[in-house]
Protein backbone atom coordinates (compact mmCIF):
# COMPACT_ATOMS: atom_id res chain seq x y z
CA MET A 1 -2.58 1.81 2.34
CA THR A 2 -2.30 5.12 3.50
CA THR A 3 -4.45 6.03 6.36
CA SER A 4 -6.37 9.13 4.76
CA PRO A 5 -8.60 7.58 2.05
CA THR A 6 -9.44 4.70 4.63
CA LEU A 7 -10.73 7.49 6.73
CA VAL A 8 -12.33 10.20 4.09
CA GLU A 9 -14.31 6.73 3.39
CA VAL A 10 -15.60 6.04 7.52
CA GLU A 11 -16.26 9.88 7.00
CA GLU A 12 -19.11 9.42 4.55
CA ALA A 13 -20.61 6.95 6.86
CA VAL A 14 -20.95 8.34 9.59
CA PRO A 15 -24.46 10.19 10.94
CA SER A 16 -24.59 13.45 10.32
CA GLY A 17 -26.80 14.18 12.68
CA PRO A 18 -27.60 13.56 17.07
CA LEU A 19 -27.97 9.57 17.35
CA ALA A 20 -29.98 7.77 18.46
CA PRO A 21 -30.72 7.28 22.12
CA PRO A 22 -28.02 3.85 22.45
CA THR A 23 -28.42 -0.22 23.40
CA SER A 24 -26.35 -2.37 24.96
CA GLY A 25 -23.63 -4.07 23.58
CA LYS A 26 -25.35 -7.81 24.64
CA ARG A 27 -27.83 -6.29 21.37
CA VAL A 28 -24.51 -5.43 18.87
CA VAL A 29 -23.21 -9.02 19.24
CA THR A 30 -25.87 -10.91 19.39
CA THR A 31 -27.02 -9.28 15.74
CA ILE A 32 -23.88 -9.57 14.65
CA THR A 33 -23.86 -12.90 15.75
CA ARG A 34 -26.68 -13.74 13.36
CA ASP A 35 -25.19 -12.71 10.02
CA LYS A 36 -22.86 -15.45 9.24
CA GLY A 37 -20.65 -13.84 7.04
CA ALA A 38 -20.10 -11.44 10.39
CA LEU A 39 -19.50 -13.80 12.58
CA ALA A 40 -16.93 -16.01 11.05
CA CYS A 41 -15.29 -12.37 10.73
CA LEU A 42 -15.94 -12.38 14.64
CA VAL A 43 -14.00 -15.54 15.24
CA PHE A 44 -10.52 -14.91 12.26
CA LEU A 45 -10.37 -12.11 14.29
CA ALA A 46 -10.71 -13.86 17.91
CA ILE A 47 -7.74 -15.87 16.85
CA VAL A 48 -5.86 -13.91 15.37
CA VAL A 49 -6.22 -11.41 18.65
CA LEU A 50 -5.57 -14.69 20.81
CA MET A 51 -1.99 -16.11 18.26
CA ALA A 52 -0.59 -11.89 19.19
CA VAL A 53 -1.00 -12.28 22.44
CA ALA A 54 -0.84 -15.43 23.67
CA ALA A 55 2.16 -15.74 20.94
CA PRO A 56 4.68 -16.87 23.71
CA LEU A 57 3.46 -19.71 24.26
CA ILE A 58 1.80 -20.86 21.15
CA THR A 59 5.50 -20.67 19.67
CA LYS A 60 6.48 -22.38 22.72
CA LEU A 61 4.24 -25.96 21.23
CA SER A 62 4.78 -24.84 17.85
CA GLY A 63 8.36 -25.91 19.38
CA TRP A 64 9.94 -22.37 17.31
CA GLY A 65 10.50 -19.22 17.54
CA PRO A 66 10.56 -16.25 14.94
CA TYR A 67 14.16 -16.28 14.75
CA GLN A 68 15.84 -19.44 15.13
CA PHE A 69 16.72 -20.84 12.20
CA ASP A 70 16.78 -24.63 10.73
CA SER A 71 19.03 -24.66 8.44
CA ALA A 72 17.93 -28.42 7.71
CA ALA A 73 14.99 -27.65 6.40
CA ILE A 74 16.37 -25.89 3.35
CA ASN A 75 17.95 -27.05 0.38
CA SER A 76 21.39 -25.19 0.23
CA ASP A 77 22.18 -26.29 -3.13
CA LEU A 78 19.54 -24.99 -4.29
CA GLY A 79 19.81 -21.33 -3.38
CA GLY A 80 18.25 -21.85 -0.05
CA VAL A 81 14.54 -23.45 -1.39
CA PRO A 82 12.19 -25.52 1.53
CA HIS A 83 12.53 -29.27 1.39
CA GLY A 84 9.14 -30.47 0.22
CA SER A 85 6.50 -29.35 -0.88
CA LEU A 86 4.22 -26.21 0.09
CA GLY A 87 6.87 -24.66 1.02
CA GLY A 88 7.89 -26.63 3.64
CA ILE A 89 4.84 -27.18 5.56
CA SER A 90 5.83 -30.46 7.72
CA GLY A 91 4.63 -31.78 11.46
CA SER A 92 7.20 -28.99 12.57
CA HIS A 93 6.94 -26.78 10.36
CA TRP A 94 3.02 -26.36 10.53
CA PHE A 95 3.16 -22.72 7.51
CA GLY A 96 6.40 -24.06 5.88
CA VAL A 97 9.89 -22.17 6.34
CA GLU A 98 11.54 -19.02 4.95
CA PRO A 99 13.54 -19.36 1.66
CA GLN A 100 17.44 -19.34 2.47
CA ASN A 101 17.50 -19.27 6.25
CA GLY A 102 14.83 -21.72 7.66
CA ARG A 103 12.91 -19.07 9.62
CA ASP A 104 9.84 -20.99 10.68
CA LEU A 105 6.79 -19.03 8.82
CA PHE A 106 4.17 -20.13 11.82
CA ALA A 107 6.15 -18.11 14.42
CA ARG A 108 6.88 -14.96 12.03
CA ILE A 109 3.12 -15.60 11.08
CA VAL A 110 2.21 -15.38 14.99
CA TYR A 111 4.66 -12.50 16.01
CA GLY A 112 3.83 -10.21 12.62
CA ALA A 113 0.43 -10.38 13.84
CA ARG A 114 1.20 -9.28 17.45
CA VAL A 115 2.80 -6.24 15.67
CA SER A 116 0.06 -5.14 13.16
CA ILE A 117 -2.84 -5.26 16.55
CA THR A 118 -0.53 -3.64 18.81
CA ILE A 119 0.23 -0.43 16.57
CA SER A 120 -3.60 -0.48 14.71
CA LEU A 121 -5.06 -0.25 18.14
CA SER A 122 -2.56 2.30 19.60
CA ALA A 123 -2.67 4.47 16.60
CA THR A 124 -6.41 3.96 16.70
CA LEU A 125 -6.06 4.70 20.46
CA LEU A 126 -3.54 8.04 19.75
CA THR A 127 -6.08 9.32 17.02
CA GLY A 128 -9.08 8.81 18.53
CA ILE A 129 -7.88 10.86 21.94
CA LEU A 130 -6.30 13.49 19.58
CA GLY A 131 -9.31 14.39 17.41
CA VAL A 132 -12.17 13.67 19.61
CA VAL A 133 -10.60 16.02 22.05
CA LEU A 134 -9.84 18.99 19.43
CA GLY A 135 -12.59 18.56 17.24
CA MET A 136 -15.17 18.76 20.34
CA LEU A 137 -13.16 22.02 21.38
CA ALA A 138 -13.30 23.39 17.41
CA GLY A 139 -17.54 22.83 17.32
CA PHE A 140 -17.69 24.33 21.38
CA TYR A 141 -15.79 27.09 21.45
CA ARG A 142 -15.80 27.96 17.64
CA GLY A 143 -14.09 30.99 17.22
CA TRP A 144 -10.26 31.69 17.12
CA VAL A 145 -10.07 28.29 18.79
CA ASP A 146 -11.68 26.63 15.58
CA GLN A 147 -9.80 28.80 13.30
CA VAL A 148 -6.42 27.75 14.84
CA ILE A 149 -7.95 23.58 15.18
CA SER A 150 -9.54 23.89 11.53
CA ARG A 151 -6.61 25.54 10.21
CA LEU A 152 -4.09 22.63 11.76
CA MET A 153 -6.86 20.17 10.13
CA ASP A 154 -6.38 21.85 7.10
CA PHE A 155 -2.55 21.65 7.03
CA LEU A 156 -2.27 18.33 7.83
CA MET A 157 -5.06 17.09 5.12
CA ALA A 158 -3.22 19.05 2.42
CA PHE A 159 -0.43 16.90 2.30
CA PRO A 160 -0.62 12.96 0.69
CA ALA A 161 -0.07 10.61 3.59
CA LEU A 162 1.84 8.18 2.47
CA ILE A 163 4.82 9.87 0.82
CA PHE A 164 5.74 12.12 4.28
CA MET A 165 5.34 9.13 6.14
CA ILE A 166 7.94 7.50 3.99
CA ALA A 167 10.07 10.73 3.69
CA ILE A 168 9.19 11.41 7.47
CA LEU A 169 9.81 7.85 8.37
CA SER A 170 13.51 7.20 6.21
CA SER A 171 14.67 10.66 8.09
CA LEU A 172 14.28 8.96 11.10
CA PRO A 173 16.90 6.36 13.55
CA SER A 174 15.29 2.86 13.23
CA GLY A 175 15.21 2.76 17.22
CA ASN A 176 11.70 1.87 18.43
CA ARG A 177 10.40 1.66 15.19
CA PRO A 178 6.87 0.50 16.59
CA VAL A 179 6.18 3.54 18.49
CA LEU A 180 7.55 5.64 15.50
CA LEU A 181 5.07 4.52 13.26
CA VAL A 182 1.68 5.02 15.76
CA VAL A 183 2.97 8.68 16.25
CA VAL A 184 3.83 9.31 12.02
CA ILE A 185 0.01 7.03 12.01
CA SER A 186 -2.03 9.20 14.40
CA VAL A 187 -0.32 12.89 12.95
CA PHE A 188 -1.78 12.19 9.48
CA GLY A 189 -5.15 10.91 11.00
CA TRP A 190 -6.69 12.83 13.57
CA PRO A 191 -7.76 15.69 11.21
CA TYR A 192 -10.22 13.37 9.62
CA LEU A 193 -12.09 12.19 12.51
CA ALA A 194 -11.44 15.21 14.17
CA ARG A 195 -13.23 17.21 11.30
CA VAL A 196 -16.63 14.86 12.13
CA ILE A 197 -16.62 15.45 15.67
CA ARG A 198 -16.38 18.80 15.45
CA GLY A 199 -19.22 19.19 12.86
CA GLN A 200 -21.83 17.34 14.84
CA THR A 201 -20.40 18.89 18.71
CA MET A 202 -21.71 22.27 16.46
CA THR A 203 -24.73 20.42 15.56
CA LEU A 204 -25.40 19.41 19.57
CA ALA A 205 -24.10 22.79 21.09
CA ASN A 206 -27.50 24.47 19.73
CA ARG A 207 -30.18 21.60 21.36
CA GLU A 208 -31.77 21.92 23.94
CA PHE A 209 -30.49 19.20 26.52
CA VAL A 210 -26.96 21.69 26.45
CA GLU A 211 -28.82 24.75 26.80
CA ALA A 212 -30.87 23.81 29.45
CA ALA A 213 -27.33 22.70 31.20
CA ARG A 214 -26.34 25.90 30.41
CA ALA A 215 -29.09 26.98 32.45
CA SER A 216 -29.24 24.75 35.09
CA GLY A 217 -25.25 26.41 35.85
CA ALA A 218 -23.57 23.62 35.03
CA LYS A 219 -19.53 24.13 33.53
CA ASP A 220 -18.23 24.21 30.09
CA THR A 221 -16.50 20.48 30.99
CA GLN A 222 -19.71 19.47 32.67
CA VAL A 223 -21.57 20.04 29.07
CA VAL A 224 -18.73 18.47 26.99
CA PHE A 225 -18.24 15.55 28.98
CA ARG A 226 -21.24 15.01 30.78
CA GLU A 227 -24.44 15.96 27.32
CA ILE A 228 -21.76 16.79 24.49
CA LEU A 229 -19.64 13.15 24.12
CA PRO A 230 -22.16 10.88 24.65
CA ASN A 231 -24.31 11.43 21.67
CA LEU A 232 -20.93 11.38 19.61
CA ARG A 233 -20.42 8.03 21.50
CA GLY A 234 -21.98 5.29 17.69
CA SER A 235 -19.24 8.43 15.62
CA ILE A 236 -16.52 7.11 17.13
CA VAL A 237 -17.20 3.62 17.18
CA VAL A 238 -18.20 3.65 14.04
CA MET A 239 -15.06 5.87 13.19
CA THR A 240 -12.55 4.09 14.74
CA THR A 241 -13.74 0.53 13.77
CA LEU A 242 -13.16 1.25 10.24
CA ALA A 243 -10.14 2.97 10.28
CA ILE A 244 -8.44 0.40 12.38
CA PRO A 245 -8.04 -1.80 9.24
CA GLY A 246 -6.86 1.07 7.73
CA PHE A 247 -3.82 1.47 10.20
CA ILE A 248 -2.37 -2.49 9.42
CA GLY A 249 -2.78 -1.74 6.14
CA THR A 250 -1.01 1.42 5.94
CA GLU A 251 1.81 -0.56 8.74
CA ALA A 252 2.06 -3.62 6.66
CA GLY A 253 2.29 -1.04 3.30
CA LEU A 254 5.36 0.47 5.83
CA SER A 255 6.89 -2.69 6.03
CA PHE A 256 6.66 -3.58 3.13
CA LEU A 257 8.43 -0.88 1.08
CA GLY A 258 11.74 -0.62 3.89
CA VAL A 259 10.45 1.67 5.88
CA GLY A 260 8.17 0.31 8.68
CA VAL A 261 9.01 -2.19 11.27
CA SER A 262 13.43 -2.85 11.50
CA PRO A 263 14.14 -7.17 11.11
CA PRO A 264 14.71 -9.20 12.60
CA THR A 265 11.33 -8.27 14.21
CA ALA A 266 8.15 -9.64 11.66
CA SER A 267 5.77 -8.25 10.10
CA TRP A 268 3.88 -9.13 7.51
CA GLY A 269 3.99 -6.17 5.37
CA GLN A 270 7.92 -7.04 5.48
CA MET A 271 7.36 -11.07 5.56
CA ILE A 272 5.75 -10.08 1.90
CA ALA A 273 8.52 -7.44 0.34
CA SER A 274 11.12 -10.68 1.23
CA SER A 275 8.61 -13.00 -0.55
CA VAL A 276 8.77 -10.58 -3.79
CA SER A 277 12.04 -12.28 -5.28
CA TRP A 278 10.67 -16.21 -4.78
CA TYR A 279 7.12 -15.93 -5.94
CA SER A 280 7.60 -19.08 -8.36
CA VAL A 281 9.49 -21.12 -6.95
CA ASP A 282 7.67 -20.75 -2.64
CA PRO A 283 4.21 -19.38 -3.69
CA MET A 284 2.86 -20.05 -0.12
CA PHE A 285 5.91 -17.91 1.25
CA PHE A 286 4.13 -14.63 -0.17
CA ALA A 287 0.48 -16.53 0.27
CA ILE A 288 0.06 -17.26 3.63
CA PRO A 289 1.13 -13.62 4.61
CA GLY A 290 -0.59 -11.77 2.37
CA ALA A 291 -4.28 -14.22 3.19
CA PHE A 292 -3.91 -13.22 6.95
CA LEU A 293 -3.22 -9.96 5.72
CA PHE A 294 -5.82 -9.82 3.50
CA LEU A 295 -8.29 -11.84 5.98
CA THR A 296 -7.21 -9.45 8.69
CA VAL A 297 -8.25 -6.56 7.23
CA LEU A 298 -11.73 -7.57 5.38
CA SER A 299 -12.58 -8.99 8.40
CA LEU A 300 -12.45 -5.47 10.05
CA THR A 301 -14.15 -3.90 7.43
CA VAL A 302 -17.16 -5.93 7.02
CA LEU A 303 -17.56 -5.95 11.15
CA GLY A 304 -16.53 -1.99 10.95
CA ASP A 305 -19.66 -1.62 8.27
CA LYS A 306 -22.07 -4.10 10.16
CA ILE A 307 -21.87 -2.04 13.58
CA ARG A 308 -22.13 1.19 11.07
CA THR A 309 -25.37 -0.18 9.81
CA LEU A 310 -26.79 -0.83 13.12
CA ILE A 311 -25.86 3.07 14.51
CA ASP A 312 -27.86 3.79 10.88
CA GLN A 313 -30.93 2.25 12.04
CA GLY A 314 -30.55 3.41 15.36
CA GLU A 315 -30.45 -0.35 17.11
CA ALA A 316 -26.57 0.53 19.18
CA ALA A 317 -24.03 3.32 20.12
């Protein structure tokens, strides 16, 4: 659920030295599709991404939006328990309905996918930019630049991330909560990527091709972006791929604890939190969002591990 442990595990998986020459993306895709488990994960993730991108169209086809209430689908005499078995699953409500209010679970899952994917990808992008830029600056220039950035990394890494995320988000206004989540997650996430990039940049800065570029009169920016950055692509791909499921879990965890996405915006973590009091009478209310969250994180982790293996073998960038 927290950002730090996930990125620490990723950090251990990244090769410490310069990487092998990259191969084409086509070869990576071919290798993944030959693995049945990885292929199944890829198909599931494609479905989740399609749900997130086409959420308005999908819910229009299903006939129910994420904020519509269907009082006819619940039994008010029994405290709002959905009619029928399996949480009210029917031709009208494909995944059933939420107890008490009758909101369509399928529509909430679809829009929850949009929230999770958007926040996790945005946090990964921001974390990647901060981590790569600051890590390369520290590793390339060293000296006082390295000291300042390294102390900042140590300062942020010393905090228990989840506790401080909860404290910060609890003290901030509820407006633009997804943006705040992206910023807070990224602030505590970038030092782990930056530390790896810093170490590899230091190693690459002493290589012959970098010295040759300097001797030819290349500027520092040209050396960094033309010589060093291409050799860091493998590490960046590995860490960002394996960080995405961690960020999805972090967003869901914060929403579960009540400091993430604010109602009525759909969120898988928020749906799981709402289902706590309904376990015994409507287990599907918990099982469906829980299954989507679990399978999404699992699929991303499996694919990230596969990509890491390919890079370790020198078969991919």
